[in-house]
Protein backbone atom coordinates (compact mmCIF):
# COMPACT_ATOMS: atom_id res chain seq x y z
CA MET A 1 -36.07 -20.32 16.35
CA ILE A 2 -34.88 -19.24 13.15
CA GLN A 3 -31.12 -18.93 12.49
CA ILE A 4 -29.94 -17.09 9.27
CA ARG A 5 -26.59 -18.44 7.78
CA SER A 6 -24.80 -18.83 4.35
CA GLU A 7 -25.63 -21.36 2.25
CA THR A 8 -23.22 -24.53 2.29
CA PRO A 9 -22.94 -27.07 -0.36
CA GLN A 10 -25.23 -29.62 1.65
CA ASP A 11 -28.17 -26.74 1.76
CA ILE A 12 -28.24 -26.54 -2.70
CA ALA A 13 -31.15 -29.27 -2.80
CA ALA A 14 -32.88 -27.54 0.21
CA ILE A 15 -32.77 -24.40 -1.19
CA HIS A 16 -33.59 -25.32 -4.82
CA ALA A 17 -36.86 -26.98 -3.02
CA VAL A 18 -37.57 -23.93 -1.15
CA ASN A 19 -37.40 -21.52 -4.14
CA ALA A 20 -39.46 -23.98 -6.40
CA ALA A 21 -42.21 -24.18 -3.76
CA SER A 22 -42.67 -20.67 -3.10
CA PHE A 23 -43.04 -19.59 -6.66
CA PRO A 24 -45.80 -20.77 -9.07
CA GLN A 25 -42.97 -21.93 -11.41
CA GLU A 26 -39.58 -23.36 -11.02
CA ASP A 27 -37.77 -20.09 -12.99
CA GLU A 28 -36.28 -18.88 -9.62
CA ALA A 29 -35.26 -22.10 -8.22
CA ASN A 30 -33.48 -22.38 -11.87
CA LEU A 31 -31.86 -19.00 -11.52
CA VAL A 32 -30.32 -19.75 -8.34
CA ASP A 33 -28.66 -22.65 -9.62
CA GLU A 34 -27.53 -21.03 -12.50
CA LEU A 35 -26.33 -18.06 -10.90
CA ARG A 36 -24.53 -20.93 -8.50
CA LYS A 37 -23.19 -22.43 -11.21
CA GLN A 38 -21.52 -19.20 -12.94
CA GLY A 39 -20.10 -18.26 -9.39
CA ALA A 40 -22.24 -15.44 -9.44
CA LEU A 41 -23.99 -15.57 -6.17
CA THR A 42 -22.48 -12.84 -4.31
CA VAL A 43 -24.33 -13.38 -1.08
CA SER A 44 -26.73 -16.61 -0.60
CA LEU A 45 -28.57 -16.79 2.44
CA VAL A 46 -30.59 -19.69 4.04
CA ALA A 47 -33.49 -19.15 7.18
CA GLU A 48 -32.79 -22.58 9.20
CA ARG A 49 -35.38 -23.67 11.39
CA GLU A 50 -34.62 -27.13 13.63
CA GLY A 51 -32.24 -28.47 11.08
CA GLN A 52 -34.70 -27.39 8.04
CA ILE A 53 -34.01 -25.27 5.77
CA VAL A 54 -37.35 -22.87 5.35
CA GLY A 55 -36.36 -19.72 3.64
CA HIS A 56 -33.42 -18.55 0.91
CA ILE A 57 -32.04 -15.00 -0.57
CA ALA A 58 -29.85 -14.34 -2.95
CA PHE A 59 -28.00 -11.63 -4.27
CA SER A 60 -25.72 -11.49 -7.19
CA PRO A 61 -23.64 -8.50 -8.53
CA MET A 62 -24.64 -5.72 -11.30
CA THR A 63 -23.21 -3.67 -13.82
CA ILE A 64 -24.04 0.19 -13.84
CA GLU A 65 -23.16 2.05 -16.96
CA GLY A 66 -23.00 5.48 -17.48
CA ALA A 67 -22.01 8.45 -14.76
CA ASP A 68 -22.51 5.78 -12.21
CA SER A 69 -20.15 3.14 -13.22
CA HIS A 70 -17.78 3.58 -10.65
CA LEU A 71 -20.60 2.22 -8.12
CA LYS A 72 -20.92 -1.13 -6.83
CA ALA A 73 -24.24 -2.71 -7.72
CA VAL A 74 -25.88 -6.16 -6.41
CA GLY A 75 -29.64 -7.26 -7.44
CA LEU A 76 -31.59 -9.21 -4.91
CA ALA A 77 -33.24 -12.11 -6.49
CA PRO A 78 -34.85 -14.45 -5.43
CA VAL A 79 -36.10 -14.35 -1.75
CA ALA A 80 -38.18 -17.33 -0.58
CA VAL A 81 -39.81 -19.04 2.27
CA LEU A 82 -41.86 -22.05 2.25
CA PRO A 83 -45.66 -21.05 1.99
CA ASN A 84 -46.02 -22.92 5.51
CA TYR A 85 -43.51 -20.78 7.13
CA GLN A 86 -44.85 -17.42 5.26
CA ARG A 87 -46.10 -14.63 7.33
CA GLN A 88 -44.07 -15.27 10.38
CA GLY A 89 -41.04 -12.74 9.69
CA ILE A 90 -38.51 -14.93 7.99
CA GLY A 91 -38.60 -12.91 4.80
CA ILE A 92 -37.91 -10.16 6.84
CA LYS A 93 -35.04 -11.40 8.94
CA LEU A 94 -33.72 -12.94 5.23
CA VAL A 95 -33.56 -9.28 3.46
CA THR A 96 -32.47 -7.43 6.54
CA ALA A 97 -29.45 -10.17 6.94
CA GLY A 98 -28.89 -9.80 3.25
CA ILE A 99 -28.56 -5.96 2.95
CA ASP A 100 -26.21 -6.29 5.71
CA ALA A 101 -23.87 -8.76 4.33
CA CYS A 102 -23.96 -6.34 1.02
CA ARG A 103 -23.17 -3.62 2.75
CA ASP A 104 -20.26 -5.13 4.80
CA LEU A 105 -18.94 -6.11 1.20
CA GLY A 106 -18.71 -2.98 0.07
CA PHE A 107 -21.86 -2.46 -2.13
CA ASP A 108 -23.44 0.81 -3.04
CA LEU A 109 -26.38 0.18 -4.56
CA MET A 110 -29.07 -2.80 -4.44
CA PHE A 111 -31.68 -3.17 -7.09
CA LEU A 112 -34.53 -5.60 -7.24
CA LEU A 113 -38.04 -6.38 -9.06
CA GLY A 114 -40.61 -7.07 -6.39
CA HIS A 115 -43.65 -5.82 -4.64
CA THR A 116 -43.98 -2.38 -4.43
CA GLU A 117 -45.74 -2.40 -0.93
CA TYR A 118 -43.39 -4.91 0.63
CA TYR A 119 -39.58 -3.56 0.19
CA PRO A 120 -40.22 0.30 1.13
CA ARG A 121 -40.06 -0.89 4.73
CA PHE A 122 -35.90 -1.87 4.14
CA GLY A 123 -35.41 1.40 2.43
CA PHE A 124 -35.83 0.52 -1.27
CA VAL A 125 -37.03 3.01 -3.23
CA PRO A 126 -38.17 2.91 -7.49
CA ALA A 127 -35.16 3.20 -9.45
CA VAL A 128 -36.45 4.99 -12.47
CA PRO A 129 -36.84 8.41 -10.73
CA LEU A 130 -33.40 8.28 -9.57
CA GLY A 131 -31.90 8.01 -13.38
CA TYR A 132 -31.83 3.82 -13.57
CA GLN A 133 -33.23 2.01 -16.13
CA SER A 134 -32.76 -1.76 -16.93
CA ILE A 135 -31.21 -2.36 -20.66
């Protein structure tokens, strides 16, 4: 059974390992380490199965400029599941729990760069047609 919970200091090495194993390079693992070091992990959840960390998701604060500058925004990056545990619904559980946690914290907007086929099931839509762009 998969349990989704907030990360603890004891999870840090396993989180790095999950992110490193889930992507072709260690950029995502290093990003999470740097965000944590800077105190910029707004939400960091792990998926645990039988005492093993098998997945991770991170959210960090974003700044909106312009007319919507009053809105609280967060960015989702990355979401990772160990290769042997992919396609078992763990990513869906992580994203759903992460969205709920960010809503509970009062965030108005959430952004990500990701697969256009995967994320619409969670309510994500392209940001550019809505007037948002990265700088």
